[in-house]
Protein backbone atom coordinates (compact mmCIF):
# COMPACT_ATOMS: atom_id res chain seq x y z
CA UNK A 1 16.26 -8.95 -38.79
CA UNK A 2 15.48 -6.77 -41.16
CA UNK A 3 15.93 -2.55 -40.98
CA UNK A 4 12.54 -1.48 -40.18
CA UNK A 5 12.44 -3.34 -37.40
CA UNK A 6 16.36 -2.13 -36.80
CA UNK A 7 14.90 1.33 -36.40
CA UNK A 8 12.03 0.91 -35.03
CA UNK A 9 13.56 -0.69 -31.57
CA UNK A 10 16.26 2.57 -32.10
CA UNK A 11 13.23 4.71 -31.46
CA UNK A 12 12.02 2.29 -28.43
CA UNK A 13 14.40 1.53 -26.46
CA UNK A 14 15.77 5.51 -26.29
CA UNK A 15 12.52 7.28 -25.24
CA UNK A 16 11.83 3.70 -23.12
CA UNK A 17 15.21 4.25 -20.94
CA UNK A 18 14.61 8.04 -20.63
CA UNK A 19 11.58 8.24 -19.42
CA UNK A 20 11.98 5.15 -16.95
CA UNK A 21 15.22 6.77 -15.32
CA UNK A 22 13.02 10.34 -15.46
CA UNK A 23 10.19 8.89 -13.58
CA UNK A 24 12.54 7.02 -10.97
CA UNK A 25 13.73 10.09 -10.48
CA UNK A 26 10.25 11.90 -10.05
CA UNK A 27 9.75 8.66 -6.95
CA UNK A 28 13.30 8.70 -5.66
CA UNK A 29 12.64 11.99 -4.90
CA UNK A 30 9.17 11.06 -2.91
CA UNK A 31 11.06 8.79 -0.93
CA UNK A 32 14.12 11.31 -0.47
CA UNK A 33 11.48 14.07 1.42
CA UNK A 34 9.46 11.17 3.27
CA UNK A 35 12.69 9.67 5.47
CA UNK A 36 14.76 12.96 5.29
CA UNK A 37 13.61 14.12 9.05
CA UNK A 38 15.42 10.72 10.10
CA UNK A 39 18.57 11.09 8.32
CA UNK A 40 19.17 14.47 8.99
CA UNK A 41 21.69 15.25 11.80
CA UNK A 42 22.40 11.47 12.22
CA UNK A 43 25.78 11.29 11.42
CA UNK A 44 25.61 8.19 8.87
CA UNK A 45 28.33 7.53 6.10
CA UNK A 46 27.85 8.20 3.17
CA UNK A 47 28.03 4.72 1.90
CA UNK A 48 24.59 3.39 4.20
CA UNK A 49 22.54 6.74 2.83
CA UNK A 50 23.51 5.51 -0.44
CA UNK A 51 22.48 2.40 -0.07
CA UNK A 52 19.31 3.09 1.09
CA UNK A 53 18.55 5.80 -2.16
CA UNK A 54 19.91 2.25 -3.39
CA UNK A 55 17.02 0.04 -1.56
CA UNK A 56 14.45 3.24 -2.69
CA UNK A 57 14.97 3.15 -5.75
CA UNK A 58 14.45 -0.65 -6.70
CA UNK A 59 11.20 -0.84 -5.01
CA UNK A 60 9.61 2.01 -6.65
CA UNK A 61 10.34 -0.25 -10.13
CA UNK A 62 6.87 -2.11 -9.21
CA UNK A 63 5.30 1.46 -9.22
CA UNK A 64 8.16 3.29 -12.37
CA UNK A 65 8.22 0.79 -14.74
CA UNK A 66 4.34 0.49 -15.70
CA UNK A 67 4.19 3.71 -16.66
CA UNK A 68 7.40 4.09 -18.19
CA UNK A 69 5.96 1.48 -20.44
CA UNK A 70 3.05 2.89 -21.36
CA UNK A 71 4.93 6.85 -21.79
CA UNK A 72 7.53 5.63 -24.17
CA UNK A 73 5.03 3.87 -26.08
CA UNK A 74 3.18 5.86 -26.79
CA UNK A 75 5.87 8.01 -27.08
CA UNK A 76 7.82 6.04 -29.48
CA UNK A 77 4.23 5.71 -31.92
CA UNK A 78 3.86 9.23 -32.18
CA UNK A 79 6.64 10.14 -33.29
CA UNK A 80 6.94 7.68 -35.73
CA UNK A 81 3.06 8.15 -36.75
CA UNK A 82 3.41 12.69 -36.55
CA UNK A 83 6.75 12.00 -39.03
CA UNK A 84 4.69 9.64 -41.69
CA UNK A 85 7.28 6.94 -41.15
CA UNK A 86 4.00 4.78 -39.35
CA UNK A 87 1.48 5.10 -42.72
CA UNK A 88 4.57 4.68 -44.92
CA UNK A 89 5.34 0.77 -43.19
CA UNK A 90 2.29 0.13 -43.74
CA UNK A 91 1.59 1.22 -47.09
CA UNK A 92 4.61 -1.13 -48.42
CA UNK A 93 2.19 -3.62 -46.50
CA UNK A 94 2.70 -4.00 -42.94
CA UNK A 95 0.61 -4.41 -40.37
CA UNK A 96 0.25 -2.52 -37.55
CA UNK A 97 1.11 -6.04 -35.60
CA UNK A 98 3.67 -6.90 -37.65
CA UNK A 99 5.51 -3.62 -37.02
CA UNK A 100 4.98 -3.78 -33.20
CA UNK A 101 6.59 -7.35 -33.37
CA UNK A 102 9.80 -6.18 -32.35
CA UNK A 103 8.85 -4.20 -29.26
CA UNK A 104 6.76 -6.39 -28.61
CA UNK A 105 9.96 -8.77 -27.96
CA UNK A 106 11.26 -5.96 -26.14
CA UNK A 107 8.22 -5.68 -24.12
CA UNK A 108 8.41 -9.56 -23.41
CA UNK A 109 11.81 -9.44 -22.37
CA UNK A 110 11.35 -6.77 -20.15
CA UNK A 111 8.02 -8.10 -18.54
CA UNK A 112 9.70 -11.51 -17.73
CA UNK A 113 12.10 -9.77 -15.73
CA UNK A 114 9.88 -7.17 -14.28
CA UNK A 115 8.63 -10.84 -12.45
CA UNK A 116 11.58 -11.74 -11.30
CA UNK A 117 12.52 -8.23 -9.90
CA UNK A 118 9.32 -8.02 -8.55
CA UNK A 119 9.31 -11.49 -7.10
CA UNK A 120 13.22 -11.88 -5.88
CA UNK A 121 15.21 -8.36 -5.84
CA UNK A 122 12.46 -6.03 -4.58
CA UNK A 123 11.89 -8.56 -1.57
CA UNK A 124 15.71 -8.87 -1.15
CA UNK A 125 15.82 -4.55 -1.00
CA UNK A 126 13.07 -4.17 0.76
CA UNK A 127 14.49 -6.10 4.14
CA UNK A 128 17.45 -4.33 3.78
CA UNK A 129 16.11 -1.19 3.57
CA UNK A 130 13.77 -2.17 6.44
CA UNK A 131 16.60 -2.59 8.68
CA UNK A 132 18.75 0.15 7.48
CA UNK A 133 15.64 2.45 8.86
CA UNK A 134 15.83 0.76 11.86
CA UNK A 135 19.29 0.59 11.82
CA UNK A 136 18.95 4.70 12.11
CA UNK A 137 16.24 5.11 14.27
CA UNK A 138 18.54 2.68 17.04
CA UNK A 139 21.12 5.40 16.66
CA UNK A 140 19.20 7.90 18.17
CA UNK A 141 21.96 8.23 20.96
CA UNK A 142 24.48 9.44 18.67
CA UNK A 143 22.21 12.58 18.61
CA UNK A 144 24.67 14.77 16.34
CA UNK A 145 23.39 18.11 16.55
CA UNK A 146 22.64 20.64 13.14
CA UNK A 147 23.40 24.20 14.42
CA UNK A 148 20.64 25.96 14.93
CA UNK A 149 17.77 23.65 13.44
CA UNK A 150 15.31 21.17 15.83
CA UNK A 151 16.32 17.33 16.19
CA UNK A 152 13.44 15.56 16.37
CA UNK A 153 14.68 12.26 16.58
CA UNK A 154 12.98 11.84 19.93
CA UNK A 155 10.19 11.09 20.37
CA UNK A 156 7.75 13.69 21.54
CA UNK A 157 10.54 16.12 22.56
CA UNK A 158 12.58 18.93 19.82
CA UNK A 159 16.11 20.13 20.95
CA UNK A 160 17.77 22.76 19.46
CA UNK A 161 21.42 23.95 20.05
CA UNK A 162 23.15 26.52 19.15
CA UNK A 163 26.18 25.18 18.67
CA UNK A 164 27.92 22.08 19.11
CA UNK A 165 31.36 21.57 19.52
CA UNK A 166 32.76 18.80 17.36
CA UNK A 167 35.67 17.16 20.03
CA UNK A 168 34.11 17.76 23.50
CA UNK A 169 30.33 17.62 22.13
CA UNK A 170 29.19 20.18 24.40
CA UNK A 171 26.17 21.75 23.24
CA UNK A 172 25.57 25.61 23.68
CA UNK A 173 22.51 27.66 23.64
CA UNK A 174 20.04 24.47 24.14
CA UNK A 175 16.29 24.71 24.17
CA UNK A 176 14.36 21.56 25.24
CA UNK A 177 10.76 20.93 24.57
CA UNK A 178 8.93 18.05 26.61
CA UNK A 179 5.89 16.46 25.62
CA UNK A 180 5.33 13.32 26.87
CA UNK A 181 3.30 14.00 29.71
CA UNK A 182 0.21 12.12 28.87
CA UNK A 183 -2.29 14.57 30.57
CA UNK A 184 -0.59 17.24 27.76
CA UNK A 185 1.31 18.76 29.99
CA UNK A 186 4.60 20.58 28.40
CA UNK A 187 8.12 21.34 29.94
CA UNK A 188 10.29 24.18 28.14
CA UNK A 189 13.44 23.76 29.76
CA UNK A 190 16.59 26.71 28.15
CA UNK A 191 20.08 26.24 29.41
CA UNK A 192 23.13 27.73 28.24
CA UNK A 193 25.13 24.35 27.96
CA UNK A 194 25.03 20.93 28.74
CA UNK A 195 25.77 17.16 27.06
CA UNK A 196 23.39 14.93 25.58
CA UNK A 197 25.00 11.28 25.67
CA UNK A 198 24.15 7.83 25.93
CA UNK A 199 24.97 4.99 28.40
CA UNK A 200 27.26 1.96 27.59
CA UNK A 201 24.35 -0.54 27.06
CA UNK A 202 22.19 1.38 25.45
CA UNK A 203 19.40 1.53 28.15
CA UNK A 204 19.78 5.03 29.34
CA UNK A 205 19.55 9.04 27.60
CA UNK A 206 21.89 10.77 29.93
CA UNK A 207 20.80 14.61 29.86
CA UNK A 208 22.72 17.78 31.98
CA UNK A 209 22.11 21.44 31.44
CA UNK A 210 24.21 24.11 32.70
CA UNK A 211 22.62 27.27 34.27
CA UNK A 212 19.20 27.24 32.93
CA UNK A 213 15.76 28.01 33.46
CA UNK A 214 12.77 25.59 33.46
CA UNK A 215 9.11 25.86 32.40
CA UNK A 216 6.25 23.67 33.51
CA UNK A 217 2.89 24.41 31.86
CA UNK A 218 0.23 22.16 33.97
CA UNK A 219 -2.35 21.41 31.62
CA UNK A 220 -3.85 18.23 33.41
CA UNK A 221 -6.03 17.97 30.46
CA UNK A 222 -8.45 21.04 31.22
CA UNK A 223 -5.62 23.84 28.91
CA UNK A 224 -9.38 25.55 27.82
CA UNK A 225 -9.98 26.66 31.43
CA UNK A 226 -7.54 25.59 33.91
CA UNK A 227 -3.58 25.77 33.12
CA UNK A 228 -0.76 27.01 35.46
CA UNK A 229 2.76 28.00 34.61
CA UNK A 230 5.89 27.22 37.20
CA UNK A 231 9.18 28.62 36.85
CA UNK A 232 12.38 27.71 38.16
CA UNK A 233 16.46 28.24 37.85
CA UNK A 234 19.16 25.85 38.05
CA UNK A 235 23.32 25.35 37.49
CA UNK A 236 23.11 22.18 37.14
CA UNK A 237 20.35 19.64 35.78
CA UNK A 238 20.56 16.07 35.48
CA UNK A 239 18.18 13.59 33.26
CA UNK A 240 17.52 10.18 32.52
CA UNK A 241 15.47 8.40 30.13
CA UNK A 242 15.23 5.22 29.50
CA UNK A 243 15.83 3.93 26.22
CA UNK A 244 12.93 1.90 25.48
CA UNK A 245 11.05 5.73 26.16
CA UNK A 246 12.90 6.96 23.46
CA UNK A 247 12.64 4.16 20.53
CA UNK A 248 9.69 3.21 20.96
CA UNK A 249 7.55 2.42 17.89
CA UNK A 250 10.29 3.33 16.29
CA UNK A 251 11.39 -0.88 15.64
CA UNK A 252 10.36 -2.23 12.24
CA UNK A 253 6.98 -3.66 12.52
CA UNK A 254 7.87 -7.33 11.72
CA UNK A 255 3.49 -8.27 11.63
CA UNK A 256 3.21 -5.56 8.75
CA UNK A 257 6.65 -5.57 6.82
CA UNK A 258 6.93 -9.72 6.51
CA UNK A 259 5.08 -10.22 3.21
CA UNK A 260 7.33 -7.44 1.62
CA UNK A 261 10.25 -9.38 2.13
CA UNK A 262 9.50 -12.75 0.92
CA UNK A 263 9.19 -13.69 -2.50
CA UNK A 264 6.33 -15.93 -3.51
CA UNK A 265 7.37 -19.72 -3.00
CA UNK A 266 8.59 -18.05 0.95
CA UNK A 267 5.02 -15.97 0.87
CA UNK A 268 2.81 -19.80 0.44
CA UNK A 269 4.54 -20.92 3.39
CA UNK A 270 3.58 -17.99 5.45
CA UNK A 271 0.52 -18.86 4.21
CA UNK A 272 -0.10 -22.04 5.12
CA UNK A 273 1.47 -20.75 9.10
CA UNK A 274 -0.91 -18.07 9.44
CA UNK A 275 -4.04 -20.55 8.61
CA UNK A 276 -2.09 -22.85 11.11
CA UNK A 277 -2.18 -20.15 13.67
CA UNK A 278 -5.90 -19.14 12.84
CA UNK A 279 -7.45 -22.58 12.67
CA UNK A 280 -5.35 -23.49 16.11
CA UNK A 281 -6.83 -19.91 18.15
CA UNK A 282 -10.32 -20.88 16.32
CA UNK A 283 -10.58 -24.19 17.94
CA UNK A 284 -9.27 -23.03 20.83
CA UNK A 285 -12.08 -20.67 21.59
CA UNK A 286 -15.03 -23.19 20.47
CA UNK A 287 -13.72 -27.00 20.65
CA UNK A 288 -14.91 -25.91 25.13
CA UNK A 289 -17.45 -24.07 24.30
CA UNK A 290 -19.22 -26.99 22.31
CA UNK A 291 -17.63 -29.87 24.90
CA UNK A 292 -18.62 -28.13 28.00
CA UNK A 293 -22.10 -26.41 27.29
CA UNK A 294 -23.63 -27.92 23.59
CA UNK A 295 -22.38 -30.72 22.93
CA UNK A 296 -21.52 -31.66 26.40
CA UNK A 297 -22.93 -35.07 26.36
CA UNK A 298 -22.35 -35.59 22.61
CA UNK A 299 -18.88 -36.68 21.50
CA UNK A 300 -19.31 -37.46 18.27
CA UNK A 301 -19.89 -33.64 17.75
CA UNK A 302 -16.11 -32.75 18.31
CA UNK A 303 -13.39 -34.04 15.59
CA UNK A 304 -10.41 -36.60 16.38
CA UNK A 305 -12.33 -37.07 20.10
CA UNK A 306 -11.19 -40.57 21.72
CA UNK A 307 -14.00 -41.41 22.67
CA UNK A 308 -16.70 -43.08 20.60
CA UNK A 309 -20.41 -44.57 21.29
CA UNK A 310 -22.71 -46.91 19.23
CA UNK A 311 -25.79 -44.86 18.80
CA UNK A 312 -27.49 -46.92 15.96
CA UNK A 313 -29.48 -48.42 18.48
CA UNK A 314 -30.87 -44.62 19.50
CA UNK A 315 -34.44 -43.48 18.46
CA UNK A 316 -35.37 -40.17 16.77
CA UNK A 317 -36.73 -37.92 20.00
CA UNK A 318 -39.37 -35.12 18.92
CA UNK A 319 -38.46 -32.26 21.16
CA UNK A 320 -42.18 -30.78 21.20
CA UNK A 321 -44.20 -34.41 22.25
CA UNK A 322 -42.07 -34.50 24.87
CA UNK A 323 -42.25 -30.80 26.15
CA UNK A 324 -45.87 -32.07 25.51
CA UNK A 325 -45.92 -33.88 28.44
CA UNK A 326 -44.38 -32.19 30.62
CA UNK A 327 -46.35 -29.73 33.15
CA UNK A 328 -45.99 -26.11 32.92
CA UNK A 329 -43.95 -25.74 35.92
CA UNK A 330 -41.73 -28.89 34.54
CA UNK A 331 -41.36 -26.58 30.58
CA UNK A 332 -40.33 -23.08 31.92
CA UNK A 333 -37.87 -25.05 33.70
CA UNK A 334 -36.28 -27.05 30.60
CA UNK A 335 -36.79 -23.23 29.43
CA UNK A 336 -34.59 -21.77 31.82
CA UNK A 337 -32.60 -24.32 31.69
CA UNK A 338 -31.47 -24.06 28.00
CA UNK A 339 -31.37 -20.17 28.56
CA UNK A 340 -29.02 -20.56 31.31
CA UNK A 341 -26.98 -22.90 28.87
CA UNK A 342 -27.02 -20.34 25.73
CA UNK A 343 -25.79 -17.24 28.11
CA UNK A 344 -22.64 -19.00 29.32
CA UNK A 345 -21.93 -20.49 25.95
CA UNK A 346 -21.62 -17.29 25.02
CA UNK A 347 -19.84 -16.22 27.56
CA UNK A 348 -17.61 -18.74 27.78
CA UNK A 349 -16.70 -17.36 24.51
CA UNK A 350 -12.97 -16.69 24.62
CA UNK A 351 -11.79 -16.18 21.55
CA UNK A 352 -8.27 -14.89 21.16
CA UNK A 353 -8.88 -11.88 19.50
CA UNK A 354 -5.69 -9.93 19.29
CA UNK A 355 -3.37 -12.95 17.73
CA UNK A 356 -6.93 -14.37 15.25
CA UNK A 357 -6.54 -10.51 13.95
CA UNK A 358 -3.07 -10.10 13.48
CA UNK A 359 -2.26 -13.51 11.62
CA UNK A 360 -5.58 -12.34 9.47
CA UNK A 361 -3.96 -9.36 8.68
CA UNK A 362 -0.93 -10.99 8.03
CA UNK A 363 -2.30 -13.73 5.97
CA UNK A 364 -4.68 -10.94 4.00
CA UNK A 365 -1.19 -9.14 3.50
CA UNK A 366 0.43 -11.78 2.03
CA UNK A 367 -2.27 -13.08 -0.57
CA UNK A 368 -2.26 -9.46 -2.18
CA UNK A 369 1.58 -9.55 -2.23
CA UNK A 370 1.29 -12.77 -3.93
CA UNK A 371 -0.50 -11.79 -6.39
CA UNK A 372 1.14 -8.60 -7.16
CA UNK A 373 3.77 -10.01 -8.59
CA UNK A 374 1.77 -12.03 -11.16
CA UNK A 375 0.11 -8.85 -12.08
CA UNK A 376 3.48 -6.62 -13.18
CA UNK A 377 4.20 -8.52 -16.07
CA UNK A 378 1.01 -8.53 -17.22
CA UNK A 379 0.37 -5.45 -16.14
CA UNK A 380 3.43 -4.28 -18.37
CA UNK A 381 2.36 -6.04 -21.23
CA UNK A 382 -1.68 -4.25 -21.42
CA UNK A 383 0.33 -0.48 -20.45
CA UNK A 384 2.94 -0.61 -23.93
CA UNK A 385 -0.41 -2.60 -25.78
CA UNK A 386 -2.77 0.49 -24.93
CA UNK A 387 0.09 3.60 -24.91
CA UNK A 388 0.63 1.72 -28.98
CA UNK A 389 -2.51 1.60 -30.44
CA UNK A 390 -2.64 5.05 -28.45
CA UNK A 391 0.40 6.18 -30.11
CA UNK A 392 -0.68 4.92 -33.32
CA UNK A 393 -3.93 7.12 -33.10
CA UNK A 394 -2.69 10.45 -32.46
CA UNK A 395 0.34 10.17 -34.10
CA UNK A 396 1.32 12.81 -31.64
CA UNK A 397 5.01 12.92 -30.65
CA UNK A 398 7.09 15.32 -27.63
CA UNK A 399 5.97 15.27 -24.25
CA UNK A 400 2.72 17.30 -24.49
CA UNK A 401 0.13 15.06 -25.52
CA UNK A 402 1.74 11.80 -24.55
CA UNK A 403 2.71 12.61 -21.00
CA UNK A 404 -1.05 14.00 -20.57
CA UNK A 405 -2.88 10.82 -21.54
CA UNK A 406 -0.67 8.23 -20.29
CA UNK A 407 -1.47 10.08 -16.71
CA UNK A 408 -4.95 9.93 -17.52
CA UNK A 409 -4.80 6.23 -17.95
CA UNK A 410 -2.68 5.86 -15.05
CA UNK A 411 -4.30 7.64 -12.60
CA UNK A 412 -8.09 5.76 -13.38
CA UNK A 413 -5.70 2.88 -12.84
CA UNK A 414 -4.36 2.90 -9.50
CA UNK A 415 -7.81 5.05 -8.48
CA UNK A 416 -9.29 1.85 -9.58
CA UNK A 417 -6.72 -0.73 -7.64
CA UNK A 418 -6.37 1.42 -4.81
CA UNK A 419 -10.06 0.86 -3.21
CA UNK A 420 -9.53 -3.39 -4.17
CA UNK A 421 -5.97 -3.60 -3.00
CA UNK A 422 -7.49 -1.80 0.42
CA UNK A 423 -10.36 -4.44 0.95
CA UNK A 424 -8.58 -7.82 0.00
CA UNK A 425 -6.26 -6.28 2.82
CA UNK A 426 -8.56 -6.10 4.91
CA UNK A 427 -10.22 -9.00 4.21
CA UNK A 428 -13.86 -7.89 2.62
CA UNK A 429 -12.43 -8.50 -0.72
CA UNK A 430 -11.10 -11.59 -2.20
CA UNK A 431 -6.98 -10.53 -2.75
CA UNK A 432 -7.33 -12.14 -6.83
CA UNK A 433 -10.37 -9.95 -7.15
CA UNK A 434 -8.72 -7.27 -5.40
CA UNK A 435 -5.43 -8.27 -7.34
CA UNK A 436 -7.07 -8.80 -10.90
CA UNK A 437 -9.76 -6.79 -10.90
CA UNK A 438 -7.73 -3.49 -12.45
CA UNK A 439 -6.32 -5.39 -15.23
CA UNK A 440 -9.16 -7.98 -16.15
CA UNK A 441 -10.75 -3.71 -16.58
CA UNK A 442 -8.48 -2.77 -18.83
CA UNK A 443 -7.78 -5.53 -20.64
CA UNK A 444 -10.45 -5.48 -23.26
CA UNK A 445 -9.95 -1.64 -23.45
CA UNK A 446 -6.25 -2.35 -24.21
CA UNK A 447 -7.33 -4.78 -27.49
CA UNK A 448 -10.46 -2.41 -28.36
CA UNK A 449 -7.83 0.52 -28.99
CA UNK A 450 -5.56 -1.52 -30.82
CA UNK A 451 -7.62 -2.78 -33.44
CA UNK A 452 -9.51 0.87 -33.90
CA UNK A 453 -5.25 2.25 -34.18
CA UNK A 454 -4.83 -1.39 -36.58
CA UNK A 455 -7.65 -0.57 -38.71
CA UNK A 456 -6.82 3.64 -38.63
CA UNK A 457 -10.21 5.05 -36.92
CA UNK A 458 -10.13 7.88 -35.60
CA UNK A 459 -11.08 7.90 -32.63
CA UNK A 460 -9.67 11.36 -31.12
CA UNK A 461 -10.67 13.13 -34.26
CA UNK A 462 -14.00 15.45 -33.28
CA UNK A 463 -14.31 15.42 -37.53
CA UNK A 464 -15.45 11.83 -36.87
CA UNK A 465 -17.30 12.67 -33.52
CA UNK A 466 -19.55 15.08 -35.47
CA UNK A 467 -20.30 13.45 -38.30
CA UNK A 468 -21.62 10.11 -36.40
CA UNK A 469 -23.03 12.36 -34.36
CA UNK A 470 -25.62 13.27 -37.39
CA UNK A 471 -26.16 9.93 -38.56
CA UNK A 472 -27.53 9.62 -35.16
CA UNK A 473 -30.16 11.99 -35.58
CA UNK A 474 -31.11 10.88 -38.61
CA UNK A 475 -31.84 8.16 -37.73
CA UNK A 476 -33.59 9.15 -34.72
CA UNK A 477 -35.25 11.38 -36.76
CA UNK A 478 -36.59 8.43 -39.15
CA UNK A 479 -37.95 6.50 -36.42
CA UNK A 480 -40.54 9.28 -34.64
CA UNK A 481 -44.10 9.21 -35.32
CA UNK A 482 -45.62 11.59 -37.94
CA UNK A 483 -47.06 14.04 -35.36
CA UNK A 484 -44.05 14.23 -33.32
CA UNK A 485 -42.05 15.27 -36.85
CA UNK A 486 -44.90 17.98 -37.45
CA UNK A 487 -45.01 19.37 -34.33
CA UNK A 488 -40.89 19.63 -34.11
CA UNK A 489 -41.14 21.27 -38.43
CA UNK A 490 -44.15 23.84 -36.71
CA UNK A 491 -41.53 24.74 -33.64
CA UNK A 492 -38.73 24.85 -35.96
CA UNK A 493 -40.59 26.70 -38.30
CA UNK A 494 -42.13 29.50 -35.79
């Protein structure tokens, strides 16, 4: 390897690693704020929290790696260009592609590695992360209260405890807001002390309170004109809540996370099984309708039917000619029977809507995830080309201009990709179009910028645009009619 290649690699690898870890840290802060309410007050072990954060960080790699490639490429080429090192390399006879060759080698390794990360590592960590979050939600029975803080681990209930004794688990100065009623009623309970614990089989939540008051605000869904307040005091109050109410909606929804925990081979198997489920649901819906109502006397319509008739000797029937030979009353009877049969067919169309919708949603999501694993390496390469070309053009290093430009391109990419991905998940667009269209749109831009950088075009120089604009004005003025030129000159002189 030439010394100049080592120089370029040394200038590139450092910013790449630094930018990647900075971006991962920023994305992890978003992850922490997203799940902070579910992690606090549960008494979780440090190892469990660390494992969850590691899984969340790996889950963010497909989002942070392309941005890191874009920003680091702009910074590297910008620094080399700002220090006139890029100009010296080109003066020595090296083309831009020759200068970028060691960086392209690293980018190729990163692109291949990103595929295996997206295809193998991310699904595994997603499964572990969902399992940990599910276990955390199921560990609400531990109910570790922080002094003076509201505990929102139970649905439609908020509990505030002034202090919890570590040994006896006795709660002091308990405040409970209960809004589980569907009609809008709310119950507020104040107590001097109490206990909140789980049954041994974790099926029920036991609440025992001492010396307090209960305020029942009855609104009956008409809070704006009809509401009442009732109060009663108690020395001891016991309550039992089924855990299916406590953990409702808190479990892992495999219908929407299954596609995120599988690699490409497993996704293909999932898509095949989902397609079979959808076909069976459809067949179960329209086959009885075809057999019993529409083609009740024609067994050749339904596939895989064991009964067959030889109709080779049958002659074609002219339906309208046969109707013409009938009386008006007979025609009315035929039309009435046809109308009745069609309405009966419409009523007997018992399509299993729920199972088909779930299967279709899973199928669309699986197709999106399958294409996402392929777009990841391509996105890494395209973003590097854009970043390297822009860095060679603007010749500005540091974190100011490169961050602004990289964020602009990254936002443009996601503004384009999010609607396509959403429509692909909804089935209104083919997944291959929704997932690959942003890359197809950015690839010509990357090639154009690379060509301009290779030819040392001052793409971002405002003087270059001013010269081009003057040439365009002169070209337009030459093609103007003579009478329009005279009128324009008079107006200018006047």
